[in-house]
Amino acid sequence: MSGELRPVDARVRALESILVEKGYVDPAALDEIIETYQHRVGPRNGAHVVARSWTDPDFAARLADDATAAVAELGYGGRGGEHLAAVFNSPREHHLVVCTLCSCYPWPVLGLPPVWYKSPAYRSRAVLDPRGVLADFGTVLDDDVAIRVHDSTSELRYLVVPQRPAGTDGWSADELAAIVSRDAMIGTRLVSV
């Protein structure tokens, strides 16, 4: 069985071959798209932004003031990241991002949106029952923690800067970035060690 493609992978390759054969798709363009989403956009970028904000108070201030410009300082930007706001979790306030209309999402810093982010259930429940949605993700907050729900739109998209976990003093930015997940930057999970 080793070396055999899963049925879905075989179908994708067959479809790709047909599209290339007929001249509908340029293989170099496909390779460029794959390269982009594997190495140039994605949650690893957002994790580096968060880690930098945890280790550099001046950068954190710039991120809070103008997230688009601060993120661009690190070389991240482009379609879906033109108008970005950073919201910072604290011991008394937790932020959760949703797009109630469709699936507006900051691709340059978070990559492709997860399937659940686009689902009607998440989009409606995040607004009506944010605490319940967080619990579905295993995130249970104390009752005295306020939850702020942010509606991401084509005009403004959000990046949640989670709280830095205790016990990470002295960690490098790369070590910190490794513990920051996409879901934490949407607000559905906490960062822990």
N, C-alpha and C. Protein backbone atom coordinates (compact mmCIF):
# COMPACT_ATOMS: atom_id res chain seq x y z
N MET A 1 0.82 -1.19 0.00
CA MET A 1 0.00 0.00 0.00
C MET A 1 0.87 1.26 0.00
N SER A 2 2.11 1.13 0.46
CA SER A 2 2.99 2.29 0.49
C SER A 2 3.23 2.81 -0.92
N GLY A 3 3.18 4.13 -1.06
CA GLY A 3 3.40 4.74 -2.37
C GLY A 3 2.13 4.93 -3.18
N GLU A 4 1.05 4.30 -2.78
CA GLU A 4 -0.22 4.48 -3.49
C GLU A 4 -0.88 5.78 -3.04
N LEU A 5 -1.55 6.42 -3.98
CA LEU A 5 -2.26 7.65 -3.67
C LEU A 5 -3.62 7.35 -3.06
N ARG A 6 -4.03 8.19 -2.14
CA ARG A 6 -5.40 8.10 -1.65
C ARG A 6 -6.32 8.45 -2.81
N PRO A 7 -7.55 7.94 -2.82
CA PRO A 7 -8.46 8.23 -3.94
C PRO A 7 -8.61 9.72 -4.23
N VAL A 8 -8.72 10.54 -3.20
CA VAL A 8 -8.89 11.97 -3.43
C VAL A 8 -7.64 12.57 -4.08
N ASP A 9 -6.46 12.12 -3.65
CA ASP A 9 -5.22 12.61 -4.25
C ASP A 9 -5.10 12.19 -5.71
N ALA A 10 -5.51 10.96 -6.00
CA ALA A 10 -5.48 10.47 -7.39
C ALA A 10 -6.41 11.30 -8.27
N ARG A 11 -7.59 11.64 -7.75
CA ARG A 11 -8.54 12.46 -8.53
C ARG A 11 -7.98 13.86 -8.77
N VAL A 12 -7.35 14.44 -7.74
CA VAL A 12 -6.77 15.78 -7.89
C VAL A 12 -5.68 15.75 -8.95
N ARG A 13 -4.81 14.75 -8.90
CA ARG A 13 -3.73 14.67 -9.90
C ARG A 13 -4.29 14.45 -11.30
N ALA A 14 -5.32 13.61 -11.42
CA ALA A 14 -5.92 13.36 -12.74
C ALA A 14 -6.54 14.64 -13.28
N LEU A 15 -7.25 15.37 -12.43
CA LEU A 15 -7.86 16.64 -12.85
C LEU A 15 -6.78 17.64 -13.25
N GLU A 16 -5.74 17.72 -12.46
CA GLU A 16 -4.63 18.63 -12.78
C GLU A 16 -4.02 18.27 -14.13
N SER A 17 -3.80 16.98 -14.38
CA SER A 17 -3.23 16.54 -15.66
C SER A 17 -4.10 16.94 -16.84
N ILE A 18 -5.40 16.75 -16.72
CA ILE A 18 -6.32 17.11 -17.79
C ILE A 18 -6.29 18.61 -18.04
N LEU A 19 -6.33 19.40 -16.96
CA LEU A 19 -6.33 20.86 -17.11
C LEU A 19 -5.03 21.36 -17.75
N VAL A 20 -3.92 20.74 -17.39
CA VAL A 20 -2.63 21.12 -17.99
C VAL A 20 -2.59 20.70 -19.45
N GLU A 21 -3.02 19.45 -19.73
CA GLU A 21 -3.04 18.93 -21.10
C GLU A 21 -3.85 19.81 -22.04
N LYS A 22 -4.99 20.26 -21.58
CA LYS A 22 -5.88 21.08 -22.40
C LYS A 22 -5.44 22.55 -22.45
N GLY A 23 -4.41 22.90 -21.70
CA GLY A 23 -3.91 24.26 -21.73
C GLY A 23 -4.68 25.24 -20.86
N TYR A 24 -5.53 24.74 -19.98
CA TYR A 24 -6.31 25.62 -19.10
C TYR A 24 -5.49 26.12 -17.92
N VAL A 25 -4.49 25.34 -17.55
CA VAL A 25 -3.68 25.66 -16.38
C VAL A 25 -2.21 25.53 -16.74
N ASP A 26 -1.43 26.49 -16.30
CA ASP A 26 0.02 26.47 -16.49
C ASP A 26 0.64 25.80 -15.26
N PRO A 27 1.40 24.72 -15.44
CA PRO A 27 2.00 24.05 -14.27
C PRO A 27 2.86 24.99 -13.43
N ALA A 28 3.54 25.93 -14.07
CA ALA A 28 4.37 26.88 -13.31
C ALA A 28 3.49 27.76 -12.43
N ALA A 29 2.31 28.12 -12.92
CA ALA A 29 1.38 28.92 -12.11
C ALA A 29 0.90 28.12 -10.91
N LEU A 30 0.61 26.84 -11.11
CA LEU A 30 0.20 25.99 -9.99
C LEU A 30 1.32 25.89 -8.96
N ASP A 31 2.54 25.69 -9.43
CA ASP A 31 3.68 25.61 -8.51
C ASP A 31 3.84 26.91 -7.72
N GLU A 32 3.63 28.04 -8.39
CA GLU A 32 3.74 29.34 -7.72
C GLU A 32 2.67 29.50 -6.64
N ILE A 33 1.45 29.06 -6.93
CA ILE A 33 0.37 29.14 -5.94
C ILE A 33 0.71 28.28 -4.73
N ILE A 34 1.17 27.07 -4.98
CA ILE A 34 1.53 26.17 -3.88
C ILE A 34 2.67 26.77 -3.06
N GLU A 35 3.68 27.29 -3.74
CA GLU A 35 4.82 27.93 -3.06
C GLU A 35 4.35 29.09 -2.18
N THR A 36 3.45 29.89 -2.72
CA THR A 36 2.93 31.05 -1.98
C THR A 36 2.26 30.61 -0.69
N TYR A 37 1.35 29.64 -0.79
CA TYR A 37 0.60 29.26 0.41
C TYR A 37 1.39 28.39 1.37
N GLN A 38 2.46 27.77 0.89
CA GLN A 38 3.30 27.00 1.81
C GLN A 38 4.35 27.85 2.51
N HIS A 39 4.83 28.91 1.82
CA HIS A 39 5.99 29.61 2.36
C HIS A 39 5.83 31.12 2.53
N ARG A 40 4.85 31.74 1.89
CA ARG A 40 4.78 33.20 1.95
C ARG A 40 3.57 33.74 2.71
N VAL A 41 2.51 33.00 2.76
CA VAL A 41 1.36 33.42 3.56
C VAL A 41 1.00 32.27 4.47
N GLY A 42 0.32 32.57 5.54
CA GLY A 42 -0.10 31.49 6.41
C GLY A 42 0.06 31.83 7.87
N PRO A 43 -0.40 30.94 8.71
CA PRO A 43 -0.40 31.21 10.14
C PRO A 43 1.00 31.38 10.73
N ARG A 44 2.00 30.84 10.09
CA ARG A 44 3.37 31.04 10.59
C ARG A 44 3.71 32.53 10.56
N ASN A 45 3.21 33.26 9.55
CA ASN A 45 3.45 34.70 9.48
C ASN A 45 2.80 35.41 10.67
N GLY A 46 1.54 35.08 10.91
CA GLY A 46 0.84 35.68 12.04
C GLY A 46 1.51 35.35 13.36
N ALA A 47 1.98 34.11 13.49
CA ALA A 47 2.67 33.70 14.72
C ALA A 47 3.93 34.53 14.95
N HIS A 48 4.64 34.86 13.87
CA HIS A 48 5.82 35.72 14.01
C HIS A 48 5.42 37.14 14.42
N VAL A 49 4.30 37.62 13.92
CA VAL A 49 3.80 38.94 14.32
C VAL A 49 3.49 38.94 15.82
N VAL A 50 2.78 37.91 16.27
CA VAL A 50 2.42 37.81 17.69
C VAL A 50 3.67 37.72 18.55
N ALA A 51 4.59 36.84 18.18
CA ALA A 51 5.82 36.67 18.97
C ALA A 51 6.61 37.98 19.04
N ARG A 52 6.67 38.69 17.94
CA ARG A 52 7.38 39.98 17.94
C ARG A 52 6.69 40.96 18.89
N SER A 53 5.34 40.95 18.90
CA SER A 53 4.62 41.87 19.79
C SER A 53 4.85 41.50 21.26
N TRP A 54 5.06 40.23 21.54
CA TRP A 54 5.33 39.79 22.91
C TRP A 54 6.74 40.17 23.37
N THR A 55 7.67 40.28 22.43
CA THR A 55 9.07 40.50 22.79
C THR A 55 9.54 41.93 22.54
N ASP A 56 8.72 42.72 21.88
CA ASP A 56 9.12 44.08 21.51
C ASP A 56 7.96 45.04 21.78
N PRO A 57 7.97 45.70 22.96
CA PRO A 57 6.85 46.58 23.31
C PRO A 57 6.62 47.71 22.30
N ASP A 58 7.67 48.21 21.68
CA ASP A 58 7.50 49.26 20.67
C ASP A 58 6.74 48.72 19.46
N PHE A 59 7.10 47.51 19.05
CA PHE A 59 6.38 46.89 17.93
C PHE A 59 4.92 46.65 18.31
N ALA A 60 4.68 46.18 19.54
CA ALA A 60 3.30 45.94 20.00
C ALA A 60 2.49 47.23 19.94
N ALA A 61 3.10 48.34 20.32
CA ALA A 61 2.40 49.63 20.26
C ALA A 61 2.08 50.01 18.82
N ARG A 62 3.03 49.79 17.91
CA ARG A 62 2.77 50.08 16.50
C ARG A 62 1.69 49.15 15.94
N LEU A 63 1.72 47.89 16.37
CA LEU A 63 0.71 46.92 15.92
C LEU A 63 -0.68 47.34 16.39
N ALA A 64 -0.77 47.81 17.62
CA ALA A 64 -2.06 48.26 18.15
C ALA A 64 -2.55 49.52 17.42
N ASP A 65 -1.61 50.37 17.05
CA ASP A 65 -1.96 51.65 16.41
C ASP A 65 -2.29 51.49 14.92
N ASP A 66 -1.49 50.71 14.19
CA ASP A 66 -1.68 50.52 12.75
C ASP A 66 -1.15 49.14 12.38
N ALA A 67 -2.01 48.14 12.51
CA ALA A 67 -1.58 46.76 12.29
C ALA A 67 -1.10 46.53 10.87
N THR A 68 -1.74 47.16 9.90
CA THR A 68 -1.33 46.97 8.51
C THR A 68 0.13 47.38 8.32
N ALA A 69 0.49 48.54 8.83
CA ALA A 69 1.87 49.03 8.69
C ALA A 69 2.84 48.19 9.50
N ALA A 70 2.46 47.81 10.71
CA ALA A 70 3.36 47.01 11.56
C ALA A 70 3.63 45.64 10.93
N VAL A 71 2.59 45.01 10.40
CA VAL A 71 2.75 43.71 9.75
C VAL A 71 3.63 43.86 8.50
N ALA A 72 3.46 44.96 7.78
CA ALA A 72 4.28 45.21 6.58
C ALA A 72 5.76 45.36 6.94
N GLU A 73 6.05 45.86 8.15
CA GLU A 73 7.45 45.96 8.60
C GLU A 73 8.13 44.60 8.57
N LEU A 74 7.35 43.55 8.80
CA LEU A 74 7.89 42.19 8.83
C LEU A 74 7.82 41.53 7.46
N GLY A 75 7.35 42.28 6.47
CA GLY A 75 7.30 41.76 5.10
C GLY A 75 6.01 41.05 4.74
N TYR A 76 4.98 41.18 5.57
CA TYR A 76 3.72 40.50 5.29
C TYR A 76 2.68 41.52 4.83
N GLY A 77 1.97 41.18 3.82
CA GLY A 77 0.92 42.06 3.32
C GLY A 77 0.38 41.50 2.03
N GLY A 78 -0.53 42.25 1.44
CA GLY A 78 -1.12 41.81 0.18
C GLY A 78 -2.62 41.67 0.30
N ARG A 79 -3.20 41.07 -0.71
CA ARG A 79 -4.65 40.93 -0.79
C ARG A 79 -5.19 40.23 0.46
N GLY A 80 -6.17 40.85 1.08
CA GLY A 80 -6.75 40.31 2.30
C GLY A 80 -6.08 40.83 3.56
N GLY A 81 -5.01 41.59 3.38
CA GLY A 81 -4.32 42.13 4.53
C GLY A 81 -4.13 43.63 4.44
N GLU A 82 -4.85 44.25 3.49
CA GLU A 82 -4.68 45.69 3.26
C GLU A 82 -5.16 46.53 4.43
N HIS A 83 -6.19 46.09 5.11
CA HIS A 83 -6.78 46.84 6.22
C HIS A 83 -6.92 45.88 7.39
N LEU A 84 -5.94 45.93 8.27
CA LEU A 84 -5.85 44.96 9.36
C LEU A 84 -5.83 45.68 10.70
N ALA A 85 -6.57 45.14 11.65
CA ALA A 85 -6.55 45.64 13.02
C ALA A 85 -6.11 44.50 13.93
N ALA A 86 -5.28 44.83 14.90
CA ALA A 86 -4.86 43.85 15.90
C ALA A 86 -5.61 44.14 17.19
N VAL A 87 -6.17 43.10 17.77
CA VAL A 87 -6.87 43.22 19.05
C VAL A 87 -6.15 42.32 20.04
N PHE A 88 -5.91 42.84 21.23
CA PHE A 88 -5.04 42.17 22.20
C PHE A 88 -5.86 41.58 23.34
N ASN A 89 -5.73 40.26 23.53
CA ASN A 89 -6.37 39.62 24.67
C ASN A 89 -5.66 40.06 25.95
N SER A 90 -6.42 40.08 27.03
CA SER A 90 -5.87 40.44 28.34
C SER A 90 -6.55 39.55 29.38
N PRO A 91 -6.13 39.63 30.63
CA PRO A 91 -6.78 38.81 31.65
C PRO A 91 -8.28 39.10 31.80
N ARG A 92 -8.73 40.28 31.40
CA ARG A 92 -10.14 40.66 31.57
C ARG A 92 -10.92 40.73 30.27
N GLU A 93 -10.24 40.58 29.13
CA GLU A 93 -10.92 40.72 27.84
C GLU A 93 -10.36 39.71 26.84
N HIS A 94 -11.29 39.02 26.17
CA HIS A 94 -10.92 38.02 25.16
C HIS A 94 -11.60 38.39 23.85
N HIS A 95 -10.86 38.31 22.75
CA HIS A 95 -11.39 38.69 21.44
C HIS A 95 -11.63 37.45 20.58
N LEU A 96 -12.70 37.50 19.80
CA LEU A 96 -13.09 36.42 18.90
C LEU A 96 -13.46 37.05 17.56
N VAL A 97 -12.94 36.49 16.48
CA VAL A 97 -13.19 37.04 15.14
C VAL A 97 -14.12 36.12 14.37
N VAL A 98 -15.04 36.75 13.65
CA VAL A 98 -15.98 36.03 12.78
C VAL A 98 -16.27 36.94 11.59
N CYS A 99 -16.64 36.35 10.49
CA CYS A 99 -17.19 37.13 9.37
C CYS A 99 -18.62 36.67 9.21
N THR A 100 -19.56 37.52 9.58
CA THR A 100 -20.97 37.11 9.57
C THR A 100 -21.55 37.03 8.16
N LEU A 101 -20.94 37.69 7.19
CA LEU A 101 -21.49 37.69 5.83
C LEU A 101 -20.92 36.59 4.94
N CYS A 102 -19.64 36.35 5.05
CA CYS A 102 -19.03 35.36 4.15
C CYS A 102 -17.85 34.71 4.85
N SER A 103 -16.65 35.07 4.45
CA SER A 103 -15.47 34.50 5.10
C SER A 103 -14.27 35.43 4.99
N CYS A 104 -14.48 36.73 5.20
CA CYS A 104 -13.37 37.69 5.15
C CYS A 104 -12.34 37.29 6.20
N TYR A 105 -11.09 37.29 5.79
CA TYR A 105 -10.05 36.65 6.59
C TYR A 105 -8.70 37.24 6.20
N PRO A 106 -7.80 37.48 7.14
CA PRO A 106 -6.49 38.07 6.81
C PRO A 106 -5.49 37.05 6.27
N TRP A 107 -5.64 36.69 5.01
CA TRP A 107 -4.82 35.65 4.38
C TRP A 107 -3.32 35.84 4.56
N PRO A 108 -2.76 37.05 4.41
CA PRO A 108 -1.30 37.17 4.51
C PRO A 108 -0.73 36.73 5.86
N VAL A 109 -1.51 36.87 6.93
CA VAL A 109 -0.99 36.49 8.24
C VAL A 109 -1.57 35.19 8.78
N LEU A 110 -2.70 34.74 8.24
CA LEU A 110 -3.30 33.50 8.74
C LEU A 110 -3.44 32.41 7.68
N GLY A 111 -3.16 32.72 6.42
CA GLY A 111 -3.28 31.72 5.37
C GLY A 111 -4.73 31.44 5.01
N LEU A 112 -4.98 30.23 4.56
CA LEU A 112 -6.33 29.86 4.15
C LEU A 112 -7.23 29.73 5.38
N PRO A 113 -8.47 30.19 5.28
CA PRO A 113 -9.37 30.07 6.43
C PRO A 113 -9.77 28.61 6.66
N PRO A 114 -9.92 28.23 7.91
CA PRO A 114 -10.38 26.86 8.18
C PRO A 114 -11.83 26.69 7.73
N VAL A 115 -12.22 25.49 7.42
CA VAL A 115 -13.57 25.21 6.94
C VAL A 115 -14.61 25.69 7.94
N TRP A 116 -14.38 25.46 9.23
CA TRP A 116 -15.38 25.84 10.23
C TRP A 116 -15.59 27.35 10.27
N TYR A 117 -14.56 28.14 9.93
CA TYR A 117 -14.68 29.60 9.97
C TYR A 117 -15.73 30.08 8.97
N LYS A 118 -15.87 29.36 7.87
CA LYS A 118 -16.81 29.75 6.82
C LYS A 118 -18.20 29.14 7.02
N SER A 119 -18.34 28.28 7.99
CA SER A 119 -19.62 27.57 8.17
C SER A 119 -20.69 28.49 8.74
N PRO A 120 -21.94 28.33 8.29
CA PRO A 120 -23.04 29.13 8.84
C PRO A 120 -23.19 28.96 10.35
N ALA A 121 -22.93 27.77 10.85
CA ALA A 121 -23.06 27.53 12.30
C ALA A 121 -22.09 28.41 13.08
N TYR A 122 -20.82 28.43 12.69
CA TYR A 122 -19.85 29.28 13.38
C TYR A 122 -20.22 30.75 13.23
N ARG A 123 -20.55 31.15 12.02
CA ARG A 123 -20.82 32.56 11.74
C ARG A 123 -21.99 33.09 12.57
N SER A 124 -23.00 32.28 12.80
CA SER A 124 -24.14 32.77 13.60
C SER A 124 -23.90 32.58 15.10
N ARG A 125 -23.37 31.44 15.48
CA ARG A 125 -23.19 31.18 16.91
C ARG A 125 -22.12 32.05 17.54
N ALA A 126 -21.10 32.43 16.79
CA ALA A 126 -20.04 33.27 17.36
C ALA A 126 -20.61 34.59 17.85
N VAL A 127 -21.63 35.08 17.18
CA VAL A 127 -22.26 36.34 17.58
C VAL A 127 -23.27 36.11 18.70
N LEU A 128 -24.09 35.07 18.56
CA LEU A 128 -25.17 34.83 19.52
C LEU A 128 -24.70 34.16 20.81
N ASP A 129 -23.71 33.29 20.72
CA ASP A 129 -23.26 32.52 21.87
C ASP A 129 -21.75 32.33 21.84
N PRO A 130 -21.00 33.44 21.94
CA PRO A 130 -19.54 33.30 21.82
C PRO A 130 -18.92 32.40 22.88
N ARG A 131 -19.44 32.44 24.09
CA ARG A 131 -18.90 31.59 25.16
C ARG A 131 -19.12 30.11 24.83
N GLY A 132 -20.28 29.81 24.26
CA GLY A 132 -20.57 28.44 23.84
C GLY A 132 -19.65 27.98 22.71
N VAL A 133 -19.40 28.86 21.75
CA VAL A 133 -18.49 28.53 20.65
C VAL A 133 -17.09 28.27 21.19
N LEU A 134 -16.63 29.13 22.08
CA LEU A 134 -15.31 28.93 22.67
C LEU A 134 -15.24 27.60 23.40
N ALA A 135 -16.30 27.26 24.13
CA ALA A 135 -16.33 25.98 24.85
C ALA A 135 -16.24 24.81 23.87
N ASP A 136 -16.88 24.95 22.70
CA ASP A 136 -16.78 23.90 21.68
C ASP A 136 -15.33 23.66 21.25
N PHE A 137 -14.51 24.69 21.32
CA PHE A 137 -13.09 24.57 20.98
C PHE A 137 -12.24 24.19 22.19
N GLY A 138 -12.89 23.98 23.34
CA GLY A 138 -12.16 23.65 24.55
C GLY A 138 -11.63 24.85 25.30
N THR A 139 -12.11 26.04 24.93
CA THR A 139 -11.67 27.28 25.56
C THR A 139 -12.74 27.74 26.53
N VAL A 140 -12.49 27.56 27.80
CA VAL A 140 -13.45 27.96 28.84
C VAL A 140 -12.83 29.13 29.60
N LEU A 141 -13.52 30.26 29.54
CA LEU A 141 -13.05 31.48 30.20
C LEU A 141 -13.85 31.73 31.46
N ASP A 142 -13.22 32.37 32.44
CA ASP A 142 -13.95 32.76 33.65
C ASP A 142 -15.09 33.69 33.28
N ASP A 143 -16.14 33.66 34.08
CA ASP A 143 -17.32 34.49 33.81
C ASP A 143 -17.01 35.98 33.81
N ASP A 144 -15.97 36.38 34.54
CA ASP A 144 -15.66 37.82 34.59
C ASP A 144 -14.79 38.29 33.43
N VAL A 145 -14.47 37.40 32.50
CA VAL A 145 -13.72 37.79 31.30
C VAL A 145 -14.73 38.19 30.22
N ALA A 146 -14.64 39.44 29.79
CA ALA A 146 -15.53 39.94 28.73
C ALA A 146 -15.07 39.36 27.39
N ILE A 147 -16.04 38.98 26.57
CA ILE A 147 -15.73 38.48 25.23
C ILE A 147 -16.18 39.53 24.22
N ARG A 148 -15.26 39.97 23.39
CA ARG A 148 -15.54 40.95 22.34
C ARG A 148 -15.52 40.21 21.00
N VAL A 149 -16.63 40.25 20.30
CA VAL A 149 -16.72 39.60 18.99
C VAL A 149 -16.51 40.66 17.92
N HIS A 150 -15.58 40.40 17.01
CA HIS A 150 -15.26 41.34 15.93
C HIS A 150 -15.72 40.75 14.61
N ASP A 151 -16.49 41.52 13.85
CA ASP A 151 -17.00 41.09 12.56
C ASP A 151 -16.02 41.51 11.47
N SER A 152 -15.29 40.55 10.96
CA SER A 152 -14.32 40.81 9.90
C SER A 152 -15.08 41.11 8.60
N THR A 153 -14.64 42.13 7.89
CA THR A 153 -15.30 42.52 6.64
C THR A 153 -14.24 42.72 5.56
N SER A 154 -14.70 43.01 4.36
CA SER A 154 -13.73 43.29 3.29
C SER A 154 -12.99 44.59 3.56
N GLU A 155 -13.57 45.47 4.38
CA GLU A 155 -12.91 46.75 4.70
C GLU A 155 -11.94 46.64 5.87
N LEU A 156 -12.17 45.69 6.78
CA LEU A 156 -11.32 45.58 7.97
C LEU A 156 -11.30 44.14 8.46
N ARG A 157 -10.10 43.61 8.56
CA ARG A 157 -9.92 42.24 9.06
C ARG A 157 -9.11 42.29 10.35
N TYR A 158 -9.25 41.26 11.15
CA TYR A 158 -8.68 41.28 12.51
C TYR A 158 -7.67 40.17 12.73
N LEU A 159 -6.70 40.49 13.57
CA LEU A 159 -5.73 39.53 14.07
C LEU A 159 -5.81 39.61 15.59
N VAL A 160 -6.12 38.49 16.24
CA VAL A 160 -6.12 38.45 17.70
C VAL A 160 -4.69 38.19 18.17
N VAL A 161 -4.23 39.04 19.08
CA VAL A 161 -2.93 38.82 19.72
C VAL A 161 -3.23 38.17 21.06
N PRO A 162 -3.00 36.86 21.16
CA PRO A 162 -3.31 36.16 22.41
C PRO A 162 -2.41 36.63 23.54
N GLN A 163 -2.81 36.28 24.76
CA GLN A 163 -1.95 36.57 25.91
C GLN A 163 -0.73 35.65 25.85
N ARG A 164 0.39 36.21 26.22
CA ARG A 164 1.61 35.40 26.29
C ARG A 164 1.49 34.48 27.50
N PRO A 165 1.73 33.20 27.31
CA PRO A 165 1.58 32.28 28.44
C PRO A 165 2.68 32.46 29.49
N ALA A 166 2.32 32.22 30.72
CA ALA A 166 3.29 32.24 31.82
C ALA A 166 4.35 31.17 31.55
N GLY A 167 5.54 31.43 32.05
CA GLY A 167 6.61 30.45 31.90
C GLY A 167 7.38 30.56 30.60
N THR A 168 7.13 31.63 29.84
CA THR A 168 7.84 31.79 28.56
C THR A 168 8.83 32.95 28.59
N ASP A 169 9.09 33.47 29.77
CA ASP A 169 10.11 34.53 29.88
C ASP A 169 11.45 33.97 29.41
N GLY A 170 12.17 34.76 28.66
CA GLY A 170 13.47 34.32 28.17
C GLY A 170 13.41 33.53 26.88
N TRP A 171 12.20 33.22 26.41
CA TRP A 171 12.08 32.49 25.15
C TRP A 171 12.39 33.42 23.99
N SER A 172 12.95 32.88 22.94
CA SER A 172 13.22 33.67 21.73
C SER A 172 11.92 33.87 20.96
N ALA A 173 11.93 34.81 20.04
CA ALA A 173 10.75 35.05 19.20
C ALA A 173 10.40 33.80 18.40
N ASP A 174 11.40 33.06 17.93
CA ASP A 174 11.11 31.83 17.17
C ASP A 174 10.47 30.77 18.06
N GLU A 175 10.95 30.64 19.29
CA GLU A 175 10.35 29.67 20.22
C GLU A 175 8.91 30.06 20.52
N LEU A 176 8.67 31.34 20.71
CA LEU A 176 7.31 31.81 20.99
C LEU A 176 6.40 31.60 19.78
N ALA A 177 6.89 31.91 18.60
CA ALA A 177 6.07 31.75 17.39
C ALA A 177 5.63 30.30 17.23
N ALA A 178 6.46 29.36 17.64
CA ALA A 178 6.15 27.94 17.48
C ALA A 178 4.94 27.50 18.31
N ILE A 179 4.58 28.25 19.35
CA ILE A 179 3.44 27.84 20.19
C ILE A 179 2.15 28.59 19.85
N VAL A 180 2.22 29.52 18.90
CA VAL A 180 1.04 30.31 18.53
C VAL A 180 0.32 29.63 17.37
N SER A 181 -0.94 29.29 17.59
CA SER A 181 -1.71 28.60 16.54
C SER A 181 -2.61 29.58 15.79
N ARG A 182 -3.01 29.16 14.61
CA ARG A 182 -3.97 29.92 13.81
C ARG A 182 -5.23 30.18 14.63
N ASP A 183 -5.73 29.15 15.29
CA ASP A 183 -6.98 29.29 16.05
C ASP A 183 -6.85 30.31 17.18
N ALA A 184 -5.66 30.40 17.79
CA ALA A 184 -5.45 31.41 18.84
C ALA A 184 -5.51 32.81 18.26
N MET A 185 -5.08 32.96 16.99
CA MET A 185 -5.09 34.28 16.36
C MET A 185 -6.47 34.64 15.79
N ILE A 186 -7.39 33.68 15.79
CA ILE A 186 -8.80 33.94 15.48
C ILE A 186 -9.55 34.18 16.79
N GLY A 187 -9.01 33.62 17.88
CA GLY A 187 -9.61 33.80 19.19
C GLY A 187 -10.35 32.60 19.73
N THR A 188 -10.32 31.48 19.00
CA THR A 188 -11.07 30.31 19.46
C THR A 188 -10.28 29.46 20.45
N ARG A 189 -8.99 29.67 20.52
CA ARG A 189 -8.16 28.91 21.46
C ARG A 189 -7.19 29.84 22.19
N LEU A 190 -6.67 29.35 23.30
CA LEU A 190 -5.65 30.05 24.05
C LEU A 190 -4.29 29.48 23.67
N VAL A 191 -3.25 30.22 23.96
CA VAL A 191 -1.89 29.71 23.75
C VAL A 191 -1.42 29.15 25.09
N SER A 192 -0.87 27.96 25.04
CA SER A 192 -0.35 27.36 26.27
C SER A 192 0.94 26.62 25.95
N VAL A 193 1.66 26.29 27.02
CA VAL A 193 2.93 25.55 26.84
C VAL A 193 2.81 24.20 27.51
